[in-house]
C-alpha atoms as a PDB file:
ATOM      1  CA  UNK A   1     -59.187-127.452 -89.428  1.00  0.00           C
ATOM      2  CA  UNK A   2     -59.347-129.970 -86.620  1.00  0.00           C
ATOM      3  CA  UNK A   3     -61.713-129.334 -83.729  1.00  0.00           C
ATOM      4  CA  UNK A   4     -58.799-129.088 -81.276  1.00  0.00           C
ATOM      5  CA  UNK A   5     -57.261-126.332 -83.410  1.00  0.00           C
ATOM      6  CA  UNK A   6     -60.608-124.554 -83.663  1.00  0.00           C
ATOM      7  CA  UNK A   7     -60.988-124.660 -79.874  1.00  0.00           C
ATOM      8  CA  UNK A   8     -57.580-122.995 -79.582  1.00  0.00           C
ATOM      9  CA  UNK A   9     -58.649-120.297 -82.036  1.00  0.00           C
ATOM     10  CA  UNK A  10     -61.766-119.704 -79.962  1.00  0.00           C
ATOM     11  CA  UNK A  11     -59.661-119.432 -76.798  1.00  0.00           C
ATOM     12  CA  UNK A  12     -57.372-116.988 -78.607  1.00  0.00           C
ATOM     13  CA  UNK A  13     -60.443-114.943 -79.608  1.00  0.00           C
ATOM     14  CA  UNK A  14     -61.577-115.014 -75.972  1.00  0.00           C
ATOM     15  CA  UNK A  15     -58.196-113.794 -74.775  1.00  0.00           C
ATOM     16  CA  UNK A  16     -58.038-111.070 -77.431  1.00  0.00           C
ATOM     17  CA  UNK A  17     -61.575-109.832 -76.761  1.00  0.00           C
ATOM     18  CA  UNK A  18     -61.017-109.642 -73.013  1.00  0.00           C
ATOM     19  CA  UNK A  19     -57.750-107.766 -73.563  1.00  0.00           C
ATOM     20  CA  UNK A  20     -59.426-105.393 -76.000  1.00  0.00           C
ATOM     21  CA  UNK A  21     -62.218-104.772 -73.499  1.00  0.00           C
ATOM     22  CA  UNK A  22     -59.719-103.852 -70.797  1.00  0.00           C
ATOM     23  CA  UNK A  23     -57.751-101.683 -73.255  1.00  0.00           C
ATOM     24  CA  UNK A  24     -60.841 -99.785 -74.427  1.00  0.00           C
ATOM     25  CA  UNK A  25     -62.028 -99.351 -70.866  1.00  0.00           C
ATOM     26  CA  UNK A  26     -58.740 -98.027 -69.501  1.00  0.00           C
ATOM     27  CA  UNK A  27     -57.583 -96.018 -72.532  1.00  0.00           C
ATOM     28  CA  UNK A  28     -60.719 -94.858 -74.383  1.00  0.00           C
ATOM     29  CA  UNK A  29     -58.883 -92.171 -76.379  1.00  0.00           C
ATOM     30  CA  UNK A  30     -55.830 -94.182 -77.439  1.00  0.00           C
ATOM     31  CA  UNK A  31     -57.219 -95.803 -80.588  1.00  0.00           C
ATOM     32  CA  UNK A  32     -58.632 -92.491 -81.788  1.00  0.00           C
ATOM     33  CA  UNK A  33     -55.185 -90.937 -81.391  1.00  0.00           C
ATOM     34  CA  UNK A  34     -53.608 -93.901 -83.232  1.00  0.00           C
ATOM     35  CA  UNK A  35     -56.113 -93.541 -86.091  1.00  0.00           C
ATOM     36  CA  UNK A  36     -55.403 -89.793 -86.185  1.00  0.00           C
ATOM     37  CA  UNK A  37     -59.024 -88.990 -85.453  1.00  0.00           C
ATOM     38  CA  UNK A  38     -60.402 -86.155 -83.365  1.00  0.00           C
ATOM     39  CA  UNK A  39     -60.593 -86.826 -79.644  1.00  0.00           C
ATOM     40  CA  UNK A  40     -63.664 -88.883 -78.840  1.00  0.00           C
ATOM     41  CA  UNK A  41     -66.111 -86.502 -77.116  1.00  0.00           C
ATOM     42  CA  UNK A  42     -67.892 -89.450 -75.453  1.00  0.00           C
ATOM     43  CA  UNK A  43     -65.209 -91.853 -74.234  1.00  0.00           C
ATOM     44  CA  UNK A  44     -67.868 -93.702 -72.228  1.00  0.00           C
ATOM     45  CA  UNK A  45     -69.318 -95.021 -75.501  1.00  0.00           C
ATOM     46  CA  UNK A  46     -65.945 -96.516 -76.467  1.00  0.00           C
ATOM     47  CA  UNK A  47     -65.632 -97.950 -72.974  1.00  0.00           C
ATOM     48  CA  UNK A  48     -69.085 -99.484 -73.359  1.00  0.00           C
ATOM     49  CA  UNK A  49     -68.059-101.038 -76.676  1.00  0.00           C
ATOM     50  CA  UNK A  50     -64.979-102.395 -74.918  1.00  0.00           C
ATOM     51  CA  UNK A  51     -67.190-103.877 -72.214  1.00  0.00           C
ATOM     52  CA  UNK A  52     -69.378-105.583 -74.820  1.00  0.00           C
ATOM     53  CA  UNK A  53     -66.338-106.970 -76.665  1.00  0.00           C
ATOM     54  CA  UNK A  54     -64.889-108.202 -73.369  1.00  0.00           C
ATOM     55  CA  UNK A  55     -68.140-109.965 -72.474  1.00  0.00           C
ATOM     56  CA  UNK A  56     -68.076-111.668 -75.867  1.00  0.00           C
ATOM     57  CA  UNK A  57     -64.622-112.881 -74.861  1.00  0.00           C
ATOM     58  CA  UNK A  58     -66.069-114.547 -71.781  1.00  0.00           C
ATOM     59  CA  UNK A  59     -68.673-116.217 -74.005  1.00  0.00           C
ATOM     60  CA  UNK A  60     -65.965-117.477 -76.357  1.00  0.00           C
ATOM     61  CA  UNK A  61     -64.006-118.894 -73.417  1.00  0.00           C
ATOM     62  CA  UNK A  62     -67.079-120.810 -72.272  1.00  0.00           C
ATOM     63  CA  UNK A  63     -67.907-121.953 -75.816  1.00  0.00           C
ATOM     64  CA  UNK A  64     -64.333-123.159 -76.373  1.00  0.00           C
ATOM     65  CA  UNK A  65     -64.954-126.030 -73.952  1.00  0.00           C
ATOM     66  CA  UNK A  66     -67.496-127.509 -76.383  1.00  0.00           C
ATOM     67  CA  UNK A  67     -67.916-125.292 -79.464  1.00  0.00           C
ATOM     68  CA  UNK A  68     -70.153-127.775 -81.268  1.00  0.00           C
ATOM     69  CA  UNK A  69     -72.630-127.682 -78.393  1.00  0.00           C
ATOM     70  CA  UNK A  70     -72.260-123.924 -77.871  1.00  0.00           C
ATOM     71  CA  UNK A  71     -72.410-123.029 -81.559  1.00  0.00           C
ATOM     72  CA  UNK A  72     -75.001-120.252 -80.970  1.00  0.00           C
ATOM     73  CA  UNK A  73     -72.350-118.270 -79.050  1.00  0.00           C
ATOM     74  CA  UNK A  74     -69.982-118.671 -82.008  1.00  0.00           C
ATOM     75  CA  UNK A  75     -72.808-117.712 -84.381  1.00  0.00           C
ATOM     76  CA  UNK A  76     -73.598-114.491 -82.490  1.00  0.00           C
ATOM     77  CA  UNK A  77     -69.876-113.668 -82.402  1.00  0.00           C
ATOM     78  CA  UNK A  78     -69.589-114.313 -86.143  1.00  0.00           C
ATOM     79  CA  UNK A  79     -72.522-111.985 -86.795  1.00  0.00           C
ATOM     80  CA  UNK A  80     -70.741-109.248 -84.864  1.00  0.00           C
ATOM     81  CA  UNK A  81     -67.551-109.885 -86.794  1.00  0.00           C
ATOM     82  CA  UNK A  82     -69.464-109.523 -90.070  1.00  0.00           C
ATOM     83  CA  UNK A  83     -71.670-106.586 -89.068  1.00  0.00           C
ATOM     84  CA  UNK A  84     -68.730-104.590 -87.640  1.00  0.00           C
ATOM     85  CA  UNK A  85     -66.975-104.281 -91.016  1.00  0.00           C
ATOM     86  CA  UNK A  86     -70.303-103.586 -92.727  1.00  0.00           C
ATOM     87  CA  UNK A  87     -70.940-100.759 -90.271  1.00  0.00           C
ATOM     88  CA  UNK A  88     -67.470 -99.437 -90.994  1.00  0.00           C
ATOM     89  CA  UNK A  89     -68.217 -99.420 -94.740  1.00  0.00           C
ATOM     90  CA  UNK A  90     -71.448 -97.517 -94.085  1.00  0.00           C
ATOM     91  CA  UNK A  91     -69.410 -94.983 -92.093  1.00  0.00           C
ATOM     92  CA  UNK A  92     -66.949 -94.659 -94.988  1.00  0.00           C
ATOM     93  CA  UNK A  93     -69.731 -94.191 -97.534  1.00  0.00           C
ATOM     94  CA  UNK A  94     -71.463 -91.595 -95.344  1.00  0.00           C
ATOM     95  CA  UNK A  95     -68.173 -89.806 -94.715  1.00  0.00           C
ATOM     96  CA  UNK A  96     -68.417 -90.191 -90.933  1.00  0.00           C
ATOM     97  CA  UNK A  97     -65.396 -92.481 -90.477  1.00  0.00           C
ATOM     98  CA  UNK A  98     -61.896 -92.140 -91.902  1.00  0.00           C
ATOM     99  CA  UNK A  99     -60.177 -95.129 -93.546  1.00  0.00           C
ATOM    100  CA  UNK A 100     -57.609 -95.056 -90.742  1.00  0.00           C
ATOM    101  CA  UNK A 101     -60.286 -96.262 -88.310  1.00  0.00           C
ATOM    102  CA  UNK A 102     -60.436 -99.518 -90.276  1.00  0.00           C
ATOM    103  CA  UNK A 103     -57.169-100.903 -88.906  1.00  0.00           C
ATOM    104  CA  UNK A 104     -59.118-102.191 -85.935  1.00  0.00           C
ATOM    105  CA  UNK A 105     -61.138-104.477 -88.224  1.00  0.00           C
ATOM    106  CA  UNK A 106     -58.071-106.591 -88.911  1.00  0.00           C
ATOM    107  CA  UNK A 107     -57.710-107.761 -85.318  1.00  0.00           C
ATOM    108  CA  UNK A 108     -61.265-107.363 -84.051  1.00  0.00           C
ATOM    109  CA  UNK A 109     -63.043-109.025 -86.947  1.00  0.00           C
ATOM    110  CA  UNK A 110     -61.316-110.223 -90.109  1.00  0.00           C
ATOM    111  CA  UNK A 111     -58.642-112.316 -88.375  1.00  0.00           C
ATOM    112  CA  UNK A 112     -61.334-114.522 -86.822  1.00  0.00           C
ATOM    113  CA  UNK A 113     -63.522-115.135 -89.880  1.00  0.00           C
ATOM    114  CA  UNK A 114     -61.888-118.418 -91.018  1.00  0.00           C
ATOM    115  CA  UNK A 115     -61.978-120.099 -87.606  1.00  0.00           C
ATOM    116  CA  UNK A 116     -65.536-118.984 -86.823  1.00  0.00           C
ATOM    117  CA  UNK A 117     -66.655-120.156 -90.270  1.00  0.00           C
ATOM    118  CA  UNK A 118     -64.994-123.547 -89.764  1.00  0.00           C
ATOM    119  CA  UNK A 119     -66.540-123.909 -86.297  1.00  0.00           C
ATOM    120  CA  UNK A 120     -70.001-123.104 -87.601  1.00  0.00           C
ATOM    121  CA  UNK A 121     -69.541-125.493 -90.518  1.00  0.00           C
ATOM    122  CA  UNK A 122     -68.482-128.262 -88.107  1.00  0.00           C
ATOM    123  CA  UNK A 123     -71.512-127.548 -85.903  1.00  0.00           C
ATOM    124  CA  UNK A 124     -73.841-127.584 -88.919  1.00  0.00           C
ATOM    125  CA  UNK A 125     -72.462-130.955 -89.986  1.00  0.00           C
ATOM    126  CA  UNK A 126     -72.650-132.381 -86.480  1.00  0.00           C
ATOM    127  CA  UNK A 127     -76.220-131.211 -85.915  1.00  0.00           C
ATOM    128  CA  UNK A 128     -77.191-132.137 -89.486  1.00  0.00           C
ATOM    129  CA  UNK A 129     -78.469-128.650 -90.252  1.00  0.00           C
ATOM    130  CA  UNK A 130     -80.239-128.476 -93.560  1.00  0.00           C
ATOM    131  CA  UNK A 131     -82.450-125.932 -95.250  1.00  0.00           C
ATOM    132  CA  UNK A 132     -85.551-127.740 -93.961  1.00  0.00           C
ATOM    133  CA  UNK A 133     -84.251-127.696 -90.367  1.00  0.00           C
ATOM    134  CA  UNK A 134     -83.511-123.960 -90.667  1.00  0.00           C
ATOM    135  CA  UNK A 135     -87.059-123.392 -91.945  1.00  0.00           C
ATOM    136  CA  UNK A 136     -88.413-125.345 -88.952  1.00  0.00           C
ATOM    137  CA  UNK A 137     -86.253-123.269 -86.593  1.00  0.00           C
ATOM    138  CA  UNK A 138     -87.551-120.036 -88.132  1.00  0.00           C
ATOM    139  CA  UNK A 139     -91.142-121.264 -87.832  1.00  0.00           C
ATOM    140  CA  UNK A 140     -90.540-122.109 -84.162  1.00  0.00           C
ATOM    141  CA  UNK A 141     -88.995-118.686 -83.610  1.00  0.00           C
ATOM    142  CA  UNK A 142     -92.037-117.004 -85.147  1.00  0.00           C
ATOM    143  CA  UNK A 143     -94.316-118.910 -82.756  1.00  0.00           C
ATOM    144  CA  UNK A 144     -92.272-117.746 -79.782  1.00  0.00           C
ATOM    145  CA  UNK A 145     -92.298-114.129 -80.948  1.00  0.00           C
ATOM    146  CA  UNK A 146     -96.097-114.024 -81.401  1.00  0.00           C
END
């Protein structure tokens, strides 16, 4: 994908995340009703998740101006879009989430995987990331954390 197209995808992700944040904040029970789940006893938790998703949207909007430079924002977003479905699978395996809850993964996570992957690949090529540079980054991180 061309960088201009990837920027548009990132703007679309920003728009979607902000909309989802508003939706979850204003209607914290709606998705649970849609998924035919029991009423959420703590709607504030869903509203908090909506707030976090909305803030990610602001980050994506900022990163869309120069996604190669702001690749760490895209990276953190990609991690969330990978860890969300993994958390869902854990919920399925533990029997704490119904399959119907998974519909949200299509629009919150899976839809964005190709564009985030392509953006991160473009950033890696631009910044000439290699295994040795990743090892150096990890070593630097360890120094900071000590």
